[in-house]
Structures are given as structure tokens and as C-alpha cells.
Amino acid sequence: YFCFGDVIAFDTTYKKNKYNYPLVIFSGC
């Protein structure tokens, strides 16, 4: 993040876990 965190993608799509909680991913390039 310190090197490439100038742009981030932020999405919530995945619920395939025991708690059926959405998984949020912070990603970049």
C-alpha cells in the first residue's frame, strides 16, 4: 500500500463463509 496505494479498488461481493458475512477486498495495481 505504501508503494502502490495511490489508487485502490474497494468491493464487497463474497459471502461463502460460515458466518455468511460479506468479504470486503481492498486491492490495487
PDB file of all heavy atoms in Angstrom:
ATOM      1  N   TYR A   1       0.826  -1.209   0.000  1.00  0.00           N
ATOM      2  CA  TYR A   1       0.000   0.000   0.000  1.00  0.00           C
ATOM      3  C   TYR A   1       0.861   1.259   0.000  1.00  0.00           C
ATOM      4  O   TYR A   1       0.565   2.225  -0.701  1.00  0.00           O
ATOM      5  CB  TYR A   1      -0.937   0.015   1.208  1.00  0.00           C
ATOM      6  CG  TYR A   1      -1.824   1.243   1.225  1.00  0.00           C
ATOM      7  CD1 TYR A   1      -2.958   1.316   0.413  1.00  0.00           C
ATOM      8  CD2 TYR A   1      -1.522   2.335   2.032  1.00  0.00           C
ATOM      9  CE1 TYR A   1      -3.760   2.439   0.411  1.00  0.00           C
ATOM     10  CE2 TYR A   1      -2.323   3.462   2.029  1.00  0.00           C
ATOM     11  CZ  TYR A   1      -3.445   3.521   1.225  1.00  0.00           C
ATOM     12  OH  TYR A   1      -4.229   4.646   1.209  1.00  0.00           O
ATOM     13  N   PHE A   2       1.935   1.257   0.796  1.00  0.00           N
ATOM     14  CA  PHE A   2       2.806   2.426   0.838  1.00  0.00           C
ATOM     15  C   PHE A   2       3.425   2.702  -0.526  1.00  0.00           C
ATOM     16  O   PHE A   2       3.731   3.844  -0.863  1.00  0.00           O
ATOM     17  CB  PHE A   2       3.909   2.243   1.882  1.00  0.00           C
ATOM     18  CG  PHE A   2       3.385   2.104   3.287  1.00  0.00           C
ATOM     19  CD1 PHE A   2       4.055   1.327   4.217  1.00  0.00           C
ATOM     20  CD2 PHE A   2       2.233   2.758   3.688  1.00  0.00           C
ATOM     21  CE1 PHE A   2       3.578   1.196   5.516  1.00  0.00           C
ATOM     22  CE2 PHE A   2       1.740   2.633   4.981  1.00  0.00           C
ATOM     23  CZ  PHE A   2       2.415   1.841   5.904  1.00  0.00           C
ATOM     24  N   CYS A   3       3.621   1.653  -1.326  1.00  0.00           N
ATOM     25  CA  CYS A   3       4.220   1.811  -2.649  1.00  0.00           C
ATOM     26  C   CYS A   3       3.188   2.068  -3.750  1.00  0.00           C
ATOM     27  O   CYS A   3       3.450   2.837  -4.672  1.00  0.00           O
ATOM     28  CB  CYS A   3       5.026   0.566  -3.021  1.00  0.00           C
ATOM     29  SG  CYS A   3       6.446   0.242  -1.957  1.00  0.00           S
ATOM     30  N   PHE A   4       2.014   1.434  -3.657  1.00  0.00           N
ATOM     31  CA  PHE A   4       1.052   1.468  -4.764  1.00  0.00           C
ATOM     32  C   PHE A   4      -0.355   1.873  -4.337  1.00  0.00           C
ATOM     33  O   PHE A   4      -1.321   1.628  -5.064  1.00  0.00           O
ATOM     34  CB  PHE A   4       0.986   0.086  -5.439  1.00  0.00           C
ATOM     35  CG  PHE A   4       2.334  -0.475  -5.822  1.00  0.00           C
ATOM     36  CD1 PHE A   4       2.833  -1.612  -5.192  1.00  0.00           C
ATOM     37  CD2 PHE A   4       3.107   0.149  -6.784  1.00  0.00           C
ATOM     38  CE1 PHE A   4       4.071  -2.135  -5.531  1.00  0.00           C
ATOM     39  CE2 PHE A   4       4.351  -0.354  -7.136  1.00  0.00           C
ATOM     40  CZ  PHE A   4       4.839  -1.496  -6.511  1.00  0.00           C
ATOM     41  N   GLY A   5      -0.484   2.483  -3.170  1.00  0.00           N
ATOM     42  CA  GLY A   5      -1.807   2.813  -2.641  1.00  0.00           C
ATOM     43  C   GLY A   5      -2.385   4.117  -3.141  1.00  0.00           C
ATOM     44  O   GLY A   5      -3.336   4.628  -2.543  1.00  0.00           O
ATOM     45  N   ASP A   6      -1.849   4.665  -4.233  1.00  0.00           N
ATOM     46  CA  ASP A   6      -2.417   5.904  -4.770  1.00  0.00           C
ATOM     47  C   ASP A   6      -3.805   5.665  -5.362  1.00  0.00           C
ATOM     48  O   ASP A   6      -4.648   6.557  -5.366  1.00  0.00           O
ATOM     49  CB  ASP A   6      -1.491   6.538  -5.819  1.00  0.00           C
ATOM     50  CG  ASP A   6      -0.929   5.522  -6.806  1.00  0.00           C
ATOM     51  OD1 ASP A   6      -1.237   4.329  -6.675  1.00  0.00           O
ATOM     52  OD2 ASP A   6      -0.160   5.943  -7.696  1.00  0.00           O
ATOM     53  N   VAL A   7      -4.050   4.433  -5.841  1.00  0.00           N
ATOM     54  CA  VAL A   7      -5.369   4.077  -6.369  1.00  0.00           C
ATOM     55  C   VAL A   7      -5.791   2.741  -5.762  1.00  0.00           C
ATOM     56  O   VAL A   7      -5.024   1.774  -5.805  1.00  0.00           O
ATOM     57  CB  VAL A   7      -5.349   3.937  -7.909  1.00  0.00           C
ATOM     58  CG1 VAL A   7      -6.756   3.653  -8.427  1.00  0.00           C
ATOM     59  CG2 VAL A   7      -4.780   5.189  -8.567  1.00  0.00           C
ATOM     60  N   ILE A   8      -6.994   2.688  -5.192  1.00  0.00           N
ATOM     61  CA  ILE A   8      -7.474   1.424  -4.619  1.00  0.00           C
ATOM     62  C   ILE A   8      -8.848   1.070  -5.179  1.00  0.00           C
ATOM     63  O   ILE A   8      -9.641   1.953  -5.514  1.00  0.00           O
ATOM     64  CB  ILE A   8      -7.546   1.471  -3.072  1.00  0.00           C
ATOM     65  CG1 ILE A   8      -8.580   2.494  -2.588  1.00  0.00           C
ATOM     66  CG2 ILE A   8      -6.189   1.762  -2.473  1.00  0.00           C
ATOM     67  CD1 ILE A   8      -8.825   2.435  -1.085  1.00  0.00           C
ATOM     68  N   ALA A   9      -9.090  -0.214  -5.314  1.00  0.00           N
ATOM     69  CA  ALA A   9     -10.419  -0.725  -5.676  1.00  0.00           C
ATOM     70  C   ALA A   9     -11.024  -1.325  -4.415  1.00  0.00           C
ATOM     71  O   ALA A   9     -10.328  -1.976  -3.632  1.00  0.00           O
ATOM     72  CB  ALA A   9     -10.307  -1.773  -6.779  1.00  0.00           C
ATOM     73  N   PHE A  10     -12.299  -1.104  -4.223  1.00  0.00           N
ATOM     74  CA  PHE A  10     -12.964  -1.447  -2.965  1.00  0.00           C
ATOM     75  C   PHE A  10     -14.285  -2.121  -3.329  1.00  0.00           C
ATOM     76  O   PHE A  10     -15.148  -1.511  -3.951  1.00  0.00           O
ATOM     77  CB  PHE A  10     -13.164  -0.130  -2.203  1.00  0.00           C
ATOM     78  CG  PHE A  10     -13.979  -0.186  -0.950  1.00  0.00           C
ATOM     79  CD1 PHE A  10     -13.976  -1.291  -0.127  1.00  0.00           C
ATOM     80  CD2 PHE A  10     -14.728   0.916  -0.568  1.00  0.00           C
ATOM     81  CE1 PHE A  10     -14.723  -1.315   1.035  1.00  0.00           C
ATOM     82  CE2 PHE A  10     -15.477   0.915   0.595  1.00  0.00           C
ATOM     83  CZ  PHE A  10     -15.479  -0.220   1.393  1.00  0.00           C
ATOM     84  N   ASP A  11     -14.425  -3.415  -3.006  1.00  0.00           N
ATOM     85  CA  ASP A  11     -15.615  -4.141  -3.436  1.00  0.00           C
ATOM     86  C   ASP A  11     -16.065  -5.139  -2.378  1.00  0.00           C
ATOM     87  O   ASP A  11     -15.254  -5.681  -1.625  1.00  0.00           O
ATOM     88  CB  ASP A  11     -15.326  -4.875  -4.751  1.00  0.00           C
ATOM     89  CG  ASP A  11     -16.595  -5.383  -5.416  1.00  0.00           C
ATOM     90  OD1 ASP A  11     -17.632  -4.706  -5.294  1.00  0.00           O
ATOM     91  OD2 ASP A  11     -16.548  -6.443  -6.054  1.00  0.00           O
ATOM     92  N   THR A  12     -17.370  -5.386  -2.321  1.00  0.00           N
ATOM     93  CA  THR A  12     -17.961  -6.326  -1.375  1.00  0.00           C
ATOM     94  C   THR A  12     -18.837  -7.290  -2.148  1.00  0.00           C
ATOM     95  O   THR A  12     -19.908  -6.925  -2.618  1.00  0.00           O
ATOM     96  CB  THR A  12     -18.836  -5.573  -0.345  1.00  0.00           C
ATOM     97  OG1 THR A  12     -18.091  -4.481   0.186  1.00  0.00           O
ATOM     98  CG2 THR A  12     -19.262  -6.494   0.768  1.00  0.00           C
ATOM     99  N   THR A  13     -18.384  -8.538  -2.282  1.00  0.00           N
ATOM    100  CA  THR A  13     -19.157  -9.450  -3.123  1.00  0.00           C
ATOM    101  C   THR A  13     -19.302 -10.867  -2.575  1.00  0.00           C
ATOM    102  O   THR A  13     -20.213 -11.583  -2.961  1.00  0.00           O
ATOM    103  CB  THR A  13     -18.494  -9.583  -4.515  1.00  0.00           C
ATOM    104  OG1 THR A  13     -17.145 -10.001  -4.331  1.00  0.00           O
ATOM    105  CG2 THR A  13     -18.514  -8.275  -5.263  1.00  0.00           C
ATOM    106  N   TYR A  14     -18.439 -11.282  -1.676  1.00  0.00           N
ATOM    107  CA  TYR A  14     -18.285 -12.710  -1.385  1.00  0.00           C
ATOM    108  C   TYR A  14     -18.828 -13.074  -0.019  1.00  0.00           C
ATOM    109  O   TYR A  14     -18.469 -12.454   0.968  1.00  0.00           O
ATOM    110  CB  TYR A  14     -16.795 -13.047  -1.494  1.00  0.00           C
ATOM    111  CG  TYR A  14     -16.429 -14.488  -1.270  1.00  0.00           C
ATOM    112  CD1 TYR A  14     -16.690 -15.454  -2.220  1.00  0.00           C
ATOM    113  CD2 TYR A  14     -15.791 -14.879  -0.102  1.00  0.00           C
ATOM    114  CE1 TYR A  14     -16.323 -16.767  -2.027  1.00  0.00           C
ATOM    115  CE2 TYR A  14     -15.418 -16.192   0.104  1.00  0.00           C
ATOM    116  CZ  TYR A  14     -15.689 -17.128  -0.859  1.00  0.00           C
ATOM    117  OH  TYR A  14     -15.319 -18.433  -0.660  1.00  0.00           O
ATOM    118  N   LYS A  15     -19.728 -14.079   0.067  1.00  0.00           N
ATOM    119  CA  LYS A  15     -20.329 -14.456   1.352  1.00  0.00           C
ATOM    120  C   LYS A  15     -20.140 -15.923   1.695  1.00  0.00           C
ATOM    121  O   LYS A  15     -20.774 -16.433   2.607  1.00  0.00           O
ATOM    122  CB  LYS A  15     -21.830 -14.154   1.338  1.00  0.00           C
ATOM    123  CG  LYS A  15     -22.180 -12.669   1.334  1.00  0.00           C
ATOM    124  CD  LYS A  15     -23.678 -12.492   1.472  1.00  0.00           C
ATOM    125  CE  LYS A  15     -24.063 -11.027   1.548  1.00  0.00           C
ATOM    126  NZ  LYS A  15     -25.511 -10.849   1.728  1.00  0.00           N
ATOM    127  N   LYS A  16     -19.272 -16.597   0.971  1.00  0.00           N
ATOM    128  CA  LYS A  16     -19.146 -18.039   1.167  1.00  0.00           C
ATOM    129  C   LYS A  16     -18.301 -18.386   2.396  1.00  0.00           C
ATOM    130  O   LYS A  16     -17.206 -18.925   2.302  1.00  0.00           O
ATOM    131  CB  LYS A  16     -18.536 -18.681  -0.089  1.00  0.00           C
ATOM    132  CG  LYS A  16     -19.356 -18.449  -1.350  1.00  0.00           C
ATOM    133  CD  LYS A  16     -20.702 -19.141  -1.276  1.00  0.00           C
ATOM    134  CE  LYS A  16     -21.490 -18.990  -2.560  1.00  0.00           C
ATOM    135  NZ  LYS A  16     -22.797 -19.624  -2.508  1.00  0.00           N
ATOM    136  N   ASN A  17     -18.786 -18.005   3.577  1.00  0.00           N
ATOM    137  CA  ASN A  17     -18.108 -18.372   4.810  1.00  0.00           C
ATOM    138  C   ASN A  17     -19.145 -18.786   5.838  1.00  0.00           C
ATOM    139  O   ASN A  17     -20.346 -18.577   5.657  1.00  0.00           O
ATOM    140  CB  ASN A  17     -17.240 -17.202   5.332  1.00  0.00           C
ATOM    141  CG  ASN A  17     -18.034 -15.921   5.481  1.00  0.00           C
ATOM    142  OD1 ASN A  17     -18.821 -15.772   6.401  1.00  0.00           O
ATOM    143  ND2 ASN A  17     -17.840 -14.977   4.556  1.00  0.00           N
ATOM    144  N   LYS A  18     -18.690 -19.357   6.914  1.00  0.00           N
ATOM    145  CA  LYS A  18     -19.575 -19.913   7.936  1.00  0.00           C
ATOM    146  C   LYS A  18     -20.569 -18.885   8.462  1.00  0.00           C
ATOM    147  O   LYS A  18     -21.710 -19.214   8.790  1.00  0.00           O
ATOM    148  CB  LYS A  18     -18.712 -20.466   9.068  1.00  0.00           C
ATOM    149  CG  LYS A  18     -19.490 -21.107  10.209  1.00  0.00           C
ATOM    150  CD  LYS A  18     -18.539 -21.657  11.261  1.00  0.00           C
ATOM    151  CE  LYS A  18     -19.293 -22.322  12.408  1.00  0.00           C
ATOM    152  NZ  LYS A  18     -18.351 -22.861  13.417  1.00  0.00           N
ATOM    153  N   TYR A  19     -20.157 -17.623   8.533  1.00  0.00           N
ATOM    154  CA  TYR A  19     -20.979 -16.583   9.140  1.00  0.00           C
ATOM    155  C   TYR A  19     -21.859 -15.862   8.120  1.00  0.00           C
ATOM    156  O   TYR A  19     -22.651 -15.002   8.471  1.00  0.00           O
ATOM    157  CB  TYR A  19     -20.075 -15.581   9.842  1.00  0.00           C
ATOM    158  CG  TYR A  19     -19.029 -16.263  10.685  1.00  0.00           C
ATOM    159  CD1 TYR A  19     -17.739 -16.469  10.180  1.00  0.00           C
ATOM    160  CD2 TYR A  19     -19.316 -16.744  11.949  1.00  0.00           C
ATOM    161  CE1 TYR A  19     -16.773 -17.132  10.929  1.00  0.00           C
ATOM    162  CE2 TYR A  19     -18.358 -17.408  12.712  1.00  0.00           C
ATOM    163  CZ  TYR A  19     -17.092 -17.598  12.186  1.00  0.00           C
ATOM    164  OH  TYR A  19     -16.140 -18.262  12.930  1.00  0.00           O
ATOM    165  N   ASN A  20     -21.699 -16.210   6.831  1.00  0.00           N
ATOM    166  CA  ASN A  20     -22.437 -15.558   5.753  1.00  0.00           C
ATOM    167  C   ASN A  20     -22.232 -14.048   5.769  1.00  0.00           C
ATOM    168  O   ASN A  20     -23.142 -13.275   5.460  1.00  0.00           O
ATOM    169  CB  ASN A  20     -23.927 -15.888   5.843  1.00  0.00           C
ATOM    170  CG  ASN A  20     -24.620 -15.698   4.504  1.00  0.00           C
ATOM    171  OD1 ASN A  20     -24.036 -15.939   3.453  1.00  0.00           O
ATOM    172  ND2 ASN A  20     -25.862 -15.248   4.537  1.00  0.00           N
ATOM    173  N   TYR A  21     -21.032 -13.631   6.161  1.00  0.00           N
ATOM    174  CA  TYR A  21     -20.677 -12.209   6.163  1.00  0.00           C
ATOM    175  C   TYR A  21     -20.032 -11.837   4.834  1.00  0.00           C
ATOM    176  O   TYR A  21     -19.245 -12.613   4.278  1.00  0.00           O
ATOM    177  CB  TYR A  21     -19.663 -11.918   7.281  1.00  0.00           C
ATOM    178  CG  TYR A  21     -20.262 -11.649   8.634  1.00  0.00           C
ATOM    179  CD1 TYR A  21     -21.568 -12.016   8.939  1.00  0.00           C
ATOM    180  CD2 TYR A  21     -19.510 -11.022   9.626  1.00  0.00           C
ATOM    181  CE1 TYR A  21     -22.102 -11.770  10.190  1.00  0.00           C
ATOM    182  CE2 TYR A  21     -20.034 -10.780  10.887  1.00  0.00           C
ATOM    183  CZ  TYR A  21     -21.326 -11.148  11.160  1.00  0.00           C
ATOM    184  OH  TYR A  21     -21.860 -10.907  12.403  1.00  0.00           O
ATOM    185  N   PRO A  22     -20.360 -10.659   4.315  1.00  0.00           N
ATOM    186  CA  PRO A  22     -19.679 -10.198   3.096  1.00  0.00           C
ATOM    187  C   PRO A  22     -18.183 -10.013   3.353  1.00  0.00           C
ATOM    188  O   PRO A  22     -17.782  -9.537   4.415  1.00  0.00           O
ATOM    189  CB  PRO A  22     -20.346  -8.851   2.809  1.00  0.00           C
ATOM    190  CG  PRO A  22     -21.642  -8.880   3.555  1.00  0.00           C
ATOM    191  CD  PRO A  22     -21.385  -9.702   4.776  1.00  0.00           C
ATOM    192  N   LEU A  23     -17.388 -10.374   2.380  1.00  0.00           N
ATOM    193  CA  LEU A  23     -15.935 -10.160   2.452  1.00  0.00           C
ATOM    194  C   LEU A  23     -15.591  -8.942   1.616  1.00  0.00           C
ATOM    195  O   LEU A  23     -15.925  -8.868   0.442  1.00  0.00           O
ATOM    196  CB  LEU A  23     -15.184 -11.381   1.926  1.00  0.00           C
ATOM    197  CG  LEU A  23     -13.662 -11.238   1.828  1.00  0.00           C
ATOM    198  CD1 LEU A  23     -13.046 -11.100   3.220  1.00  0.00           C
ATOM    199  CD2 LEU A  23     -13.059 -12.430   1.089  1.00  0.00           C
ATOM    200  N   VAL A  24     -14.954  -7.974   2.234  1.00  0.00           N
ATOM    201  CA  VAL A  24     -14.547  -6.749   1.543  1.00  0.00           C
ATOM    202  C   VAL A  24     -13.069  -6.853   1.184  1.00  0.00           C
ATOM    203  O   VAL A  24     -12.248  -7.178   2.037  1.00  0.00           O
ATOM    204  CB  VAL A  24     -14.769  -5.504   2.425  1.00  0.00           C
ATOM    205  CG1 VAL A  24     -14.409  -4.239   1.662  1.00  0.00           C
ATOM    206  CG2 VAL A  24     -16.213  -5.449   2.905  1.00  0.00           C
ATOM    207  N   ILE A  25     -12.740  -6.576  -0.071  1.00  0.00           N
ATOM    208  CA  ILE A  25     -11.361  -6.634  -0.537  1.00  0.00           C
ATOM    209  C   ILE A  25     -10.882  -5.231  -0.891  1.00  0.00           C
ATOM    210  O   ILE A  25     -11.551  -4.501  -1.627  1.00  0.00           O
ATOM    211  CB  ILE A  25     -11.220  -7.531  -1.790  1.00  0.00           C
ATOM    212  CG1 ILE A  25     -11.690  -8.954  -1.492  1.00  0.00           C
ATOM    213  CG2 ILE A  25      -9.784  -7.528  -2.308  1.00  0.00           C
ATOM    214  CD1 ILE A  25     -10.790  -9.719  -0.572  1.00  0.00           C
ATOM    215  N   PHE A  26      -9.725  -4.832  -0.375  1.00  0.00           N
ATOM    216  CA  PHE A  26      -9.052  -3.608  -0.793  1.00  0.00           C
ATOM    217  C   PHE A  26      -7.885  -4.030  -1.688  1.00  0.00           C
ATOM    218  O   PHE A  26      -6.990  -4.741  -1.225  1.00  0.00           O
ATOM    219  CB  PHE A  26      -8.493  -2.840   0.407  1.00  0.00           C
ATOM    220  CG  PHE A  26      -9.537  -2.285   1.330  1.00  0.00           C
ATOM    221  CD1 PHE A  26      -9.992  -3.020   2.413  1.00  0.00           C
ATOM    222  CD2 PHE A  26     -10.062  -1.017   1.120  1.00  0.00           C
ATOM    223  CE1 PHE A  26     -10.951  -2.514   3.280  1.00  0.00           C
ATOM    224  CE2 PHE A  26     -11.013  -0.499   1.976  1.00  0.00           C
ATOM    225  CZ  PHE A  26     -11.468  -1.243   3.065  1.00  0.00           C
ATOM    226  N   SER A  27      -7.898  -3.613  -2.928  1.00  0.00           N
ATOM    227  CA  SER A  27      -6.832  -4.039  -3.825  1.00  0.00           C
ATOM    228  C   SER A  27      -6.326  -2.879  -4.669  1.00  0.00           C
ATOM    229  O   SER A  27      -6.925  -1.804  -4.716  1.00  0.00           O
ATOM    230  CB  SER A  27      -7.325  -5.168  -4.735  1.00  0.00           C
ATOM    231  OG  SER A  27      -8.347  -4.697  -5.590  1.00  0.00           O
ATOM    232  N   GLY A  28      -5.205  -3.117  -5.332  1.00  0.00           N
ATOM    233  CA  GLY A  28      -4.613  -2.098  -6.186  1.00  0.00           C
ATOM    234  C   GLY A  28      -3.850  -2.741  -7.324  1.00  0.00           C
ATOM    235  O   GLY A  28      -4.011  -3.923  -7.613  1.00  0.00           O
ATOM    236  N   CYS A  29      -3.002  -1.944  -7.954  1.00  0.00           N
ATOM    237  CA  CYS A  29      -2.236  -2.403  -9.115  1.00  0.00           C
ATOM    238  C   CYS A  29      -0.761  -2.108  -8.865  1.00  0.00           C
ATOM    239  O   CYS A  29      -0.398  -0.981  -8.552  1.00  0.00           O
ATOM    240  CB  CYS A  29      -2.733  -1.665 -10.361  1.00  0.00           C
ATOM    241  SG  CYS A  29      -1.903  -2.119 -11.884  1.00  0.00           S
TER     242      CYS A  29
END
